[in-house]
Amino acid sequence: LEDTSVVDMATQGEKRKIQLQAMLGSL
């Protein structure tokens, strides 16, 4: 369960990071 939670949070983090990088490019 903990491993699944880590994977889910890591997946969310990767998406958030990509969004930030895209936003940085937009600025």
mmCIF file of all heavy atoms, coordinates in Angstrom:
data_MODEL
# 
_entry.id   MODEL 
# 
loop_
_atom_site.group_PDB 
_atom_site.id 
_atom_site.type_symbol 
_atom_site.label_atom_id 
_atom_site.label_alt_id 
_atom_site.label_comp_id 
_atom_site.label_asym_id 
_atom_site.label_entity_id 
_atom_site.label_seq_id 
_atom_site.pdbx_PDB_ins_code 
_atom_site.Cartn_x 
_atom_site.Cartn_y 
_atom_site.Cartn_z 
_atom_site.occupancy 
_atom_site.B_iso_or_equiv 
_atom_site.pdbx_formal_charge 
_atom_site.auth_seq_id 
_atom_site.auth_comp_id 
_atom_site.auth_asym_id 
_atom_site.auth_atom_id 
_atom_site.pdbx_PDB_model_num 
ATOM 1   N N   . LEU A 1 1  ? 0.828  -1.204 0.000   1.00 0.00 ? 1  LEU A N   1 
ATOM 2   C CA  . LEU A 1 1  ? 0.000  0.000  0.000   1.00 0.00 ? 1  LEU A CA  1 
ATOM 3   C C   . LEU A 1 1  ? 0.863  1.254  0.000   1.00 0.00 ? 1  LEU A C   1 
ATOM 4   O O   . LEU A 1 1  ? 0.575  2.228  -0.709  1.00 0.00 ? 1  LEU A O   1 
ATOM 5   C CB  . LEU A 1 1  ? -0.929 -0.007 1.231   1.00 0.00 ? 1  LEU A CB  1 
ATOM 6   C CG  . LEU A 1 1  ? -2.043 -1.053 1.234   1.00 0.00 ? 1  LEU A CG  1 
ATOM 7   C CD1 . LEU A 1 1  ? -2.760 -1.043 2.578   1.00 0.00 ? 1  LEU A CD1 1 
ATOM 8   C CD2 . LEU A 1 1  ? -3.032 -0.789 0.100   1.00 0.00 ? 1  LEU A CD2 1 
ATOM 9   N N   . GLU A 1 2  ? 1.904  1.219  0.797   1.00 0.00 ? 2  GLU A N   1 
ATOM 10  C CA  . GLU A 1 2  ? 2.819  2.361  0.851   1.00 0.00 ? 2  GLU A CA  1 
ATOM 11  C C   . GLU A 1 2  ? 3.519  2.549  -0.491  1.00 0.00 ? 2  GLU A C   1 
ATOM 12  O O   . GLU A 1 2  ? 3.682  3.668  -0.977  1.00 0.00 ? 2  GLU A O   1 
ATOM 13  C CB  . GLU A 1 2  ? 3.848  2.147  1.964   1.00 0.00 ? 2  GLU A CB  1 
ATOM 14  C CG  . GLU A 1 2  ? 4.841  3.300  2.157   1.00 0.00 ? 2  GLU A CG  1 
ATOM 15  C CD  . GLU A 1 2  ? 4.263  4.421  2.981   1.00 0.00 ? 2  GLU A CD  1 
ATOM 16  O OE1 . GLU A 1 2  ? 3.017  4.593  3.006   1.00 0.00 ? 2  GLU A OE1 1 
ATOM 17  O OE2 . GLU A 1 2  ? 5.041  5.160  3.584   1.00 0.00 ? 2  GLU A OE2 1 
ATOM 18  N N   . ASP A 1 3  ? 3.932  1.436  -1.092  1.00 0.00 ? 3  ASP A N   1 
ATOM 19  C CA  . ASP A 1 3  ? 4.600  1.504  -2.396  1.00 0.00 ? 3  ASP A CA  1 
ATOM 20  C C   . ASP A 1 3  ? 3.659  2.079  -3.452  1.00 0.00 ? 3  ASP A C   1 
ATOM 21  O O   . ASP A 1 3  ? 4.047  2.905  -4.284  1.00 0.00 ? 3  ASP A O   1 
ATOM 22  C CB  . ASP A 1 3  ? 5.076  0.105  -2.799  1.00 0.00 ? 3  ASP A CB  1 
ATOM 23  C CG  . ASP A 1 3  ? 6.014  0.136  -4.000  1.00 0.00 ? 3  ASP A CG  1 
ATOM 24  O OD1 . ASP A 1 3  ? 6.599  1.208  -4.256  1.00 0.00 ? 3  ASP A OD1 1 
ATOM 25  O OD2 . ASP A 1 3  ? 6.168  -0.900 -4.655  1.00 0.00 ? 3  ASP A OD2 1 
ATOM 26  N N   . THR A 1 4  ? 2.397  1.642  -3.408  1.00 0.00 ? 4  THR A N   1 
ATOM 27  C CA  . THR A 1 4  ? 1.420  2.177  -4.358  1.00 0.00 ? 4  THR A CA  1 
ATOM 28  C C   . THR A 1 4  ? 1.220  3.673  -4.163  1.00 0.00 ? 4  THR A C   1 
ATOM 29  O O   . THR A 1 4  ? 1.132  4.438  -5.133  1.00 0.00 ? 4  THR A O   1 
ATOM 30  C CB  . THR A 1 4  ? 0.073  1.447  -4.184  1.00 0.00 ? 4  THR A CB  1 
ATOM 31  O OG1 . THR A 1 4  ? 0.254  0.052  -4.418  1.00 0.00 ? 4  THR A OG1 1 
ATOM 32  C CG2 . THR A 1 4  ? -0.967 1.987  -5.151  1.00 0.00 ? 4  THR A CG2 1 
ATOM 33  N N   . SER A 1 5  ? 1.169  4.087  -2.898  1.00 0.00 ? 5  SER A N   1 
ATOM 34  C CA  . SER A 1 5  ? 1.025  5.511  -2.602  1.00 0.00 ? 5  SER A CA  1 
ATOM 35  C C   . SER A 1 5  ? 2.217  6.301  -3.109  1.00 0.00 ? 5  SER A C   1 
ATOM 36  O O   . SER A 1 5  ? 2.069  7.399  -3.655  1.00 0.00 ? 5  SER A O   1 
ATOM 37  C CB  . SER A 1 5  ? 0.861  5.727  -1.088  1.00 0.00 ? 5  SER A CB  1 
ATOM 38  O OG  . SER A 1 5  ? -0.297 5.101  -0.607  1.00 0.00 ? 5  SER A OG  1 
ATOM 39  N N   . VAL A 1 6  ? 3.419  5.729  -2.937  1.00 0.00 ? 6  VAL A N   1 
ATOM 40  C CA  . VAL A 1 6  ? 4.628  6.402  -3.411  1.00 0.00 ? 6  VAL A CA  1 
ATOM 41  C C   . VAL A 1 6  ? 4.592  6.544  -4.936  1.00 0.00 ? 6  VAL A C   1 
ATOM 42  O O   . VAL A 1 6  ? 4.922  7.599  -5.486  1.00 0.00 ? 6  VAL A O   1 
ATOM 43  C CB  . VAL A 1 6  ? 5.892  5.633  -2.962  1.00 0.00 ? 6  VAL A CB  1 
ATOM 44  C CG1 . VAL A 1 6  ? 7.135  6.188  -3.650  1.00 0.00 ? 6  VAL A CG1 1 
ATOM 45  C CG2 . VAL A 1 6  ? 6.062  5.723  -1.447  1.00 0.00 ? 6  VAL A CG2 1 
ATOM 46  N N   . VAL A 1 7  ? 4.204  5.470  -5.623  1.00 0.00 ? 7  VAL A N   1 
ATOM 47  C CA  . VAL A 1 7  ? 4.135  5.511  -7.088  1.00 0.00 ? 7  VAL A CA  1 
ATOM 48  C C   . VAL A 1 7  ? 3.123  6.560  -7.546  1.00 0.00 ? 7  VAL A C   1 
ATOM 49  O O   . VAL A 1 7  ? 3.380  7.348  -8.465  1.00 0.00 ? 7  VAL A O   1 
ATOM 50  C CB  . VAL A 1 7  ? 3.772  4.125  -7.653  1.00 0.00 ? 7  VAL A CB  1 
ATOM 51  C CG1 . VAL A 1 7  ? 3.521  4.208  -9.156  1.00 0.00 ? 7  VAL A CG1 1 
ATOM 52  C CG2 . VAL A 1 7  ? 4.893  3.136  -7.371  1.00 0.00 ? 7  VAL A CG2 1 
ATOM 53  N N   . ASP A 1 8  ? 1.947  6.570  -6.887  1.00 0.00 ? 8  ASP A N   1 
ATOM 54  C CA  . ASP A 1 8  ? 0.910  7.541  -7.259  1.00 0.00 ? 8  ASP A CA  1 
ATOM 55  C C   . ASP A 1 8  ? 1.407  8.971  -7.054  1.00 0.00 ? 8  ASP A C   1 
ATOM 56  O O   . ASP A 1 8  ? 1.231  9.841  -7.919  1.00 0.00 ? 8  ASP A O   1 
ATOM 57  C CB  . ASP A 1 8  ? -0.351 7.309  -6.429  1.00 0.00 ? 8  ASP A CB  1 
ATOM 58  C CG  . ASP A 1 8  ? -1.060 6.013  -6.807  1.00 0.00 ? 8  ASP A CG  1 
ATOM 59  O OD1 . ASP A 1 8  ? -0.782 5.489  -7.910  1.00 0.00 ? 8  ASP A OD1 1 
ATOM 60  O OD2 . ASP A 1 8  ? -1.882 5.536  -6.009  1.00 0.00 ? 8  ASP A OD2 1 
ATOM 61  N N   . MET A 1 9  ? 2.035  9.213  -5.898  1.00 0.00 ? 9  MET A N   1 
ATOM 62  C CA  . MET A 1 9  ? 2.531  10.562 -5.612  1.00 0.00 ? 9  MET A CA  1 
ATOM 63  C C   . MET A 1 9  ? 3.667  10.933 -6.552  1.00 0.00 ? 9  MET A C   1 
ATOM 64  O O   . MET A 1 9  ? 3.791  12.088 -6.976  1.00 0.00 ? 9  MET A O   1 
ATOM 65  C CB  . MET A 1 9  ? 2.980  10.654 -4.162  1.00 0.00 ? 9  MET A CB  1 
ATOM 66  C CG  . MET A 1 9  ? 1.854  10.554 -3.142  1.00 0.00 ? 9  MET A CG  1 
ATOM 67  S SD  . MET A 1 9  ? 0.606  11.845 -3.338  1.00 0.00 ? 9  MET A SD  1 
ATOM 68  C CE  . MET A 1 9  ? 1.525  13.268 -2.772  1.00 0.00 ? 9  MET A CE  1 
ATOM 69  N N   . ALA A 1 10 ? 4.527  9.977  -6.884  1.00 0.00 ? 10 ALA A N   1 
ATOM 70  C CA  . ALA A 1 10 ? 5.622  10.255 -7.815  1.00 0.00 ? 10 ALA A CA  1 
ATOM 71  C C   . ALA A 1 10 ? 5.087  10.592 -9.200  1.00 0.00 ? 10 ALA A C   1 
ATOM 72  O O   . ALA A 1 10 ? 5.599  11.485 -9.880  1.00 0.00 ? 10 ALA A O   1 
ATOM 73  C CB  . ALA A 1 10 ? 6.571  9.061  -7.884  1.00 0.00 ? 10 ALA A CB  1 
ATOM 74  N N   . THR A 1 11 ? 4.044  9.870  -9.629  1.00 0.00 ? 11 THR A N   1 
ATOM 75  C CA  . THR A 1 11 ? 3.420  10.157 -10.929 1.00 0.00 ? 11 THR A CA  1 
ATOM 76  C C   . THR A 1 11 ? 2.832  11.561 -10.949 1.00 0.00 ? 11 THR A C   1 
ATOM 77  O O   . THR A 1 11 ? 3.001  12.322 -11.915 1.00 0.00 ? 11 THR A O   1 
ATOM 78  C CB  . THR A 1 11 ? 2.321  9.119  -11.219 1.00 0.00 ? 11 THR A CB  1 
ATOM 79  O OG1 . THR A 1 11 ? 2.883  7.811  -11.209 1.00 0.00 ? 11 THR A OG1 1 
ATOM 80  C CG2 . THR A 1 11 ? 1.680  9.386  -12.572 1.00 0.00 ? 11 THR A CG2 1 
ATOM 81  N N   . GLN A 1 12 ? 2.139  11.918 -9.856  1.00 0.00 ? 12 GLN A N   1 
ATOM 82  C CA  . GLN A 1 12 ? 1.602  13.268 -9.757  1.00 0.00 ? 12 GLN A CA  1 
ATOM 83  C C   . GLN A 1 12 ? 2.722  14.302 -9.788  1.00 0.00 ? 12 GLN A C   1 
ATOM 84  O O   . GLN A 1 12 ? 2.611  15.346 -10.430 1.00 0.00 ? 12 GLN A O   1 
ATOM 85  C CB  . GLN A 1 12 ? 0.795  13.425 -8.461  1.00 0.00 ? 12 GLN A CB  1 
ATOM 86  C CG  . GLN A 1 12 ? -0.462 12.597 -8.400  1.00 0.00 ? 12 GLN A CG  1 
ATOM 87  C CD  . GLN A 1 12 ? -1.193 12.773 -7.080  1.00 0.00 ? 12 GLN A CD  1 
ATOM 88  O OE1 . GLN A 1 12 ? -1.126 13.836 -6.459  1.00 0.00 ? 12 GLN A OE1 1 
ATOM 89  N NE2 . GLN A 1 12 ? -1.901 11.737 -6.642  1.00 0.00 ? 12 GLN A NE2 1 
ATOM 90  N N   . GLY A 1 13 ? 3.822  14.002 -9.061  1.00 0.00 ? 13 GLY A N   1 
ATOM 91  C CA  . GLY A 1 13 ? 4.945  14.928 -9.010  1.00 0.00 ? 13 GLY A CA  1 
ATOM 92  C C   . GLY A 1 13 ? 5.574  15.141 -10.375 1.00 0.00 ? 13 GLY A C   1 
ATOM 93  O O   . GLY A 1 13 ? 5.964  16.267 -10.718 1.00 0.00 ? 13 GLY A O   1 
ATOM 94  N N   . GLU A 1 14 ? 5.701  14.067 -11.152 1.00 0.00 ? 14 GLU A N   1 
ATOM 95  C CA  . GLU A 1 14 ? 6.263  14.200 -12.492 1.00 0.00 ? 14 GLU A CA  1 
ATOM 96  C C   . GLU A 1 14 ? 5.379  15.115 -13.356 1.00 0.00 ? 14 GLU A C   1 
ATOM 97  O O   . GLU A 1 14 ? 5.888  15.959 -14.107 1.00 0.00 ? 14 GLU A O   1 
ATOM 98  C CB  . GLU A 1 14 ? 6.382  12.815 -13.145 1.00 0.00 ? 14 GLU A CB  1 
ATOM 99  C CG  . GLU A 1 14 ? 7.452  11.922 -12.542 1.00 0.00 ? 14 GLU A CG  1 
ATOM 100 C CD  . GLU A 1 14 ? 8.866  12.406 -12.867 1.00 0.00 ? 14 GLU A CD  1 
ATOM 101 O OE1 . GLU A 1 14 ? 9.007  13.373 -13.634 1.00 0.00 ? 14 GLU A OE1 1 
ATOM 102 O OE2 . GLU A 1 14 ? 9.815  11.795 -12.349 1.00 0.00 ? 14 GLU A OE2 1 
ATOM 103 N N   . LYS A 1 15 ? 4.056  14.930 -13.249 1.00 0.00 ? 15 LYS A N   1 
ATOM 104 C CA  . LYS A 1 15 ? 3.137  15.771 -14.025 1.00 0.00 ? 15 LYS A CA  1 
ATOM 105 C C   . LYS A 1 15 ? 3.246  17.229 -13.584 1.00 0.00 ? 15 LYS A C   1 
ATOM 106 O O   . LYS A 1 15 ? 3.276  18.146 -14.421 1.00 0.00 ? 15 LYS A O   1 
ATOM 107 C CB  . LYS A 1 15 ? 1.703  15.273 -13.845 1.00 0.00 ? 15 LYS A CB  1 
ATOM 108 C CG  . LYS A 1 15 ? 1.435  13.911 -14.466 1.00 0.00 ? 15 LYS A CG  1 
ATOM 109 C CD  . LYS A 1 15 ? -0.013 13.494 -14.251 1.00 0.00 ? 15 LYS A CD  1 
ATOM 110 C CE  . LYS A 1 15 ? -0.283 12.123 -14.876 1.00 0.00 ? 15 LYS A CE  1 
ATOM 111 N NZ  . LYS A 1 15 ? -1.691 11.686 -14.647 1.00 0.00 ? 15 LYS A NZ  1 
ATOM 112 N N   . ARG A 1 16 ? 3.300  17.442 -12.270 1.00 0.00 ? 16 ARG A N   1 
ATOM 113 C CA  . ARG A 1 16 ? 3.411  18.810 -11.757 1.00 0.00 ? 16 ARG A CA  1 
ATOM 114 C C   . ARG A 1 16 ? 4.716  19.456 -12.219 1.00 0.00 ? 16 ARG A C   1 
ATOM 115 O O   . ARG A 1 16 ? 4.757  20.634 -12.575 1.00 0.00 ? 16 ARG A O   1 
ATOM 116 C CB  . ARG A 1 16 ? 3.352  18.798 -10.225 1.00 0.00 ? 16 ARG A CB  1 
ATOM 117 C CG  . ARG A 1 16 ? 2.042  18.269 -9.655  1.00 0.00 ? 16 ARG A CG  1 
ATOM 118 C CD  . ARG A 1 16 ? 0.930  19.279 -9.788  1.00 0.00 ? 16 ARG A CD  1 
ATOM 119 N NE  . ARG A 1 16 ? -0.274 18.802 -9.121  1.00 0.00 ? 16 ARG A NE  1 
ATOM 120 C CZ  . ARG A 1 16 ? -1.317 18.261 -9.752  1.00 0.00 ? 16 ARG A CZ  1 
ATOM 121 N NH1 . ARG A 1 16 ? -1.285 18.134 -11.070 1.00 0.00 ? 16 ARG A NH1 1 
ATOM 122 N NH2 . ARG A 1 16 ? -2.374 17.862 -9.079  1.00 0.00 ? 16 ARG A NH2 1 
ATOM 123 N N   . LYS A 1 17 ? 5.793  18.677 -12.217 1.00 0.00 ? 17 LYS A N   1 
ATOM 124 C CA  . LYS A 1 17 ? 7.087  19.207 -12.645 1.00 0.00 ? 17 LYS A CA  1 
ATOM 125 C C   . LYS A 1 17 ? 7.041  19.617 -14.113 1.00 0.00 ? 17 LYS A C   1 
ATOM 126 O O   . LYS A 1 17 ? 7.556  20.681 -14.489 1.00 0.00 ? 17 LYS A O   1 
ATOM 127 C CB  . LYS A 1 17 ? 8.179  18.154 -12.406 1.00 0.00 ? 17 LYS A CB  1 
ATOM 128 C CG  . LYS A 1 17 ? 9.557  18.583 -12.881 1.00 0.00 ? 17 LYS A CG  1 
ATOM 129 C CD  . LYS A 1 17 ? 10.563 17.474 -12.668 1.00 0.00 ? 17 LYS A CD  1 
ATOM 130 C CE  . LYS A 1 17 ? 11.912 17.840 -13.276 1.00 0.00 ? 17 LYS A CE  1 
ATOM 131 N NZ  . LYS A 1 17 ? 12.899 16.747 -13.129 1.00 0.00 ? 17 LYS A NZ  1 
ATOM 132 N N   . ILE A 1 18 ? 6.426  18.772 -14.947 1.00 0.00 ? 18 ILE A N   1 
ATOM 133 C CA  . ILE A 1 18 ? 6.310  19.081 -16.381 1.00 0.00 ? 18 ILE A CA  1 
ATOM 134 C C   . ILE A 1 18 ? 5.482  20.357 -16.579 1.00 0.00 ? 18 ILE A C   1 
ATOM 135 O O   . ILE A 1 18 ? 5.811  21.206 -17.412 1.00 0.00 ? 18 ILE A O   1 
ATOM 136 C CB  . ILE A 1 18 ? 5.681  17.890 -17.130 1.00 0.00 ? 18 ILE A CB  1 
ATOM 137 C CG1 . ILE A 1 18 ? 6.648  16.693 -17.110 1.00 0.00 ? 18 ILE A CG1 1 
ATOM 138 C CG2 . ILE A 1 18 ? 5.336  18.271 -18.555 1.00 0.00 ? 18 ILE A CG2 1 
ATOM 139 C CD1 . ILE A 1 18 ? 6.049  15.420 -17.669 1.00 0.00 ? 18 ILE A CD1 1 
ATOM 140 N N   . GLN A 1 19 ? 4.407  20.492 -15.796 1.00 0.00 ? 19 GLN A N   1 
ATOM 141 C CA  . GLN A 1 19 ? 3.587  21.693 -15.888 1.00 0.00 ? 19 GLN A CA  1 
ATOM 142 C C   . GLN A 1 19 ? 4.381  22.940 -15.507 1.00 0.00 ? 19 GLN A C   1 
ATOM 143 O O   . GLN A 1 19 ? 4.257  23.989 -16.152 1.00 0.00 ? 19 GLN A O   1 
ATOM 144 C CB  . GLN A 1 19 ? 2.358  21.556 -14.983 1.00 0.00 ? 19 GLN A CB  1 
ATOM 145 C CG  . GLN A 1 19 ? 1.363  20.503 -15.458 1.00 0.00 ? 19 GLN A CG  1 
ATOM 146 C CD  . GLN A 1 19 ? 0.243  20.281 -14.448 1.00 0.00 ? 19 GLN A CD  1 
ATOM 147 O OE1 . GLN A 1 19 ? 0.263  20.816 -13.346 1.00 0.00 ? 19 GLN A OE1 1 
ATOM 148 N NE2 . GLN A 1 19 ? -0.747 19.473 -14.836 1.00 0.00 ? 19 GLN A NE2 1 
ATOM 149 N N   . LEU A 1 20 ? 5.190  22.834 -14.466 1.00 0.00 ? 20 LEU A N   1 
ATOM 150 C CA  . LEU A 1 20 ? 6.014  23.976 -14.051 1.00 0.00 ? 20 LEU A CA  1 
ATOM 151 C C   . LEU A 1 20 ? 7.029  24.338 -15.128 1.00 0.00 ? 20 LEU A C   1 
ATOM 152 O O   . LEU A 1 20 ? 7.270  25.520 -15.408 1.00 0.00 ? 20 LEU A O   1 
ATOM 153 C CB  . LEU A 1 20 ? 6.742  23.649 -12.735 1.00 0.00 ? 20 LEU A CB  1 
ATOM 154 C CG  . LEU A 1 20 ? 5.887  23.612 -11.469 1.00 0.00 ? 20 LEU A CG  1 
ATOM 155 C CD1 . LEU A 1 20 ? 6.713  23.118 -10.296 1.00 0.00 ? 20 LEU A CD1 1 
ATOM 156 C CD2 . LEU A 1 20 ? 5.326  25.001 -11.152 1.00 0.00 ? 20 LEU A CD2 1 
ATOM 157 N N   . GLN A 1 21 ? 7.639  23.311 -15.721 1.00 0.00 ? 21 GLN A N   1 
ATOM 158 C CA  . GLN A 1 21 ? 8.614  23.582 -16.772 1.00 0.00 ? 21 GLN A CA  1 
ATOM 159 C C   . GLN A 1 21 ? 7.949  24.254 -17.971 1.00 0.00 ? 21 GLN A C   1 
ATOM 160 O O   . GLN A 1 21 ? 8.516  25.171 -18.575 1.00 0.00 ? 21 GLN A O   1 
ATOM 161 C CB  . GLN A 1 21 ? 9.292  22.279 -17.191 1.00 0.00 ? 21 GLN A CB  1 
ATOM 162 C CG  . GLN A 1 21 ? 10.213 21.703 -16.117 1.00 0.00 ? 21 GLN A CG  1 
ATOM 163 C CD  . GLN A 1 21 ? 10.723 20.325 -16.440 1.00 0.00 ? 21 GLN A CD  1 
ATOM 164 O OE1 . GLN A 1 21 ? 10.084 19.581 -17.181 1.00 0.00 ? 21 GLN A OE1 1 
ATOM 165 N NE2 . GLN A 1 21 ? 11.869 19.979 -15.893 1.00 0.00 ? 21 GLN A NE2 1 
ATOM 166 N N   . ALA A 1 22 ? 6.743  23.796 -18.318 1.00 0.00 ? 22 ALA A N   1 
ATOM 167 C CA  . ALA A 1 22 ? 6.006  24.417 -19.417 1.00 0.00 ? 22 ALA A CA  1 
ATOM 168 C C   . ALA A 1 22 ? 5.645  25.856 -19.074 1.00 0.00 ? 22 ALA A C   1 
ATOM 169 O O   . ALA A 1 22 ? 5.721  26.751 -19.923 1.00 0.00 ? 22 ALA A O   1 
ATOM 170 C CB  . ALA A 1 22 ? 4.744  23.602 -19.734 1.00 0.00 ? 22 ALA A CB  1 
ATOM 171 N N   . MET A 1 23 ? 5.242  26.078 -17.826 1.00 0.00 ? 23 MET A N   1 
ATOM 172 C CA  . MET A 1 23 ? 4.885  27.427 -17.396 1.00 0.00 ? 23 MET A CA  1 
ATOM 173 C C   . MET A 1 23 ? 6.093  28.341 -17.432 1.00 0.00 ? 23 MET A C   1 
ATOM 174 O O   . MET A 1 23 ? 6.000  29.512 -17.794 1.00 0.00 ? 23 MET A O   1 
ATOM 175 C CB  . MET A 1 23 ? 4.296  27.363 -15.982 1.00 0.00 ? 23 MET A CB  1 
ATOM 176 C CG  . MET A 1 23 ? 3.667  28.669 -15.524 1.00 0.00 ? 23 MET A CG  1 
ATOM 177 S SD  . MET A 1 23 ? 2.341  29.214 -16.632 1.00 0.00 ? 23 MET A SD  1 
ATOM 178 C CE  . MET A 1 23 ? 1.248  27.800 -16.549 1.00 0.00 ? 23 MET A CE  1 
ATOM 179 N N   . LEU A 1 24 ? 7.263  27.793 -17.056 1.00 0.00 ? 24 LEU A N   1 
ATOM 180 C CA  . LEU A 1 24 ? 8.491  28.578 -17.102 1.00 0.00 ? 24 LEU A CA  1 
ATOM 181 C C   . LEU A 1 24 ? 8.808  28.992 -18.535 1.00 0.00 ? 24 LEU A C   1 
ATOM 182 O O   . LEU A 1 24 ? 9.229  30.124 -18.800 1.00 0.00 ? 24 LEU A O   1 
ATOM 183 C CB  . LEU A 1 24 ? 9.648  27.753 -16.514 1.00 0.00 ? 24 LEU A CB  1 
ATOM 184 C CG  . LEU A 1 24 ? 10.940 28.501 -16.191 1.00 0.00 ? 24 LEU A CG  1 
ATOM 185 C CD1 . LEU A 1 24 ? 10.692 29.572 -15.148 1.00 0.00 ? 24 LEU A CD1 1 
ATOM 186 C CD2 . LEU A 1 24 ? 12.002 27.527 -15.694 1.00 0.00 ? 24 LEU A CD2 1 
ATOM 187 N N   . GLY A 1 25 ? 8.561  28.067 -19.467 1.00 0.00 ? 25 GLY A N   1 
ATOM 188 C CA  . GLY A 1 25 ? 8.773  28.404 -20.870 1.00 0.00 ? 25 GLY A CA  1 
ATOM 189 C C   . GLY A 1 25 ? 7.788  29.462 -21.354 1.00 0.00 ? 25 GLY A C   1 
ATOM 190 O O   . GLY A 1 25 ? 8.152  30.354 -22.126 1.00 0.00 ? 25 GLY A O   1 
ATOM 191 N N   . SER A 1 26 ? 6.544  29.388 -20.905 1.00 0.00 ? 26 SER A N   1 
ATOM 192 C CA  . SER A 1 26 ? 5.539  30.370 -21.304 1.00 0.00 ? 26 SER A CA  1 
ATOM 193 C C   . SER A 1 26 ? 5.896  31.766 -20.820 1.00 0.00 ? 26 SER A C   1 
ATOM 194 O O   . SER A 1 26 ? 5.699  32.758 -21.520 1.00 0.00 ? 26 SER A O   1 
ATOM 195 C CB  . SER A 1 26 ? 4.158  29.964 -20.756 1.00 0.00 ? 26 SER A CB  1 
ATOM 196 O OG  . SER A 1 26 ? 3.757  28.715 -21.264 1.00 0.00 ? 26 SER A OG  1 
ATOM 197 N N   . LEU A 1 27 ? 6.428  31.845 -19.610 1.00 0.00 ? 27 LEU A N   1 
ATOM 198 C CA  . LEU A 1 27 ? 6.809  33.148 -19.055 1.00 0.00 ? 27 LEU A CA  1 
ATOM 199 C C   . LEU A 1 27 ? 7.955  33.777 -19.838 1.00 0.00 ? 27 LEU A C   1 
ATOM 200 O O   . LEU A 1 27 ? 8.161  34.988 -19.790 1.00 0.00 ? 27 LEU A O   1 
ATOM 201 C CB  . LEU A 1 27 ? 7.182  32.994 -17.576 1.00 0.00 ? 27 LEU A CB  1 
ATOM 202 C CG  . LEU A 1 27 ? 6.015  32.717 -16.630 1.00 0.00 ? 27 LEU A CG  1 
ATOM 203 C CD1 . LEU A 1 27 ? 6.526  32.332 -15.250 1.00 0.00 ? 27 LEU A CD1 1 
ATOM 204 C CD2 . LEU A 1 27 ? 5.120  33.950 -16.526 1.00 0.00 ? 27 LEU A CD2 1 
# 
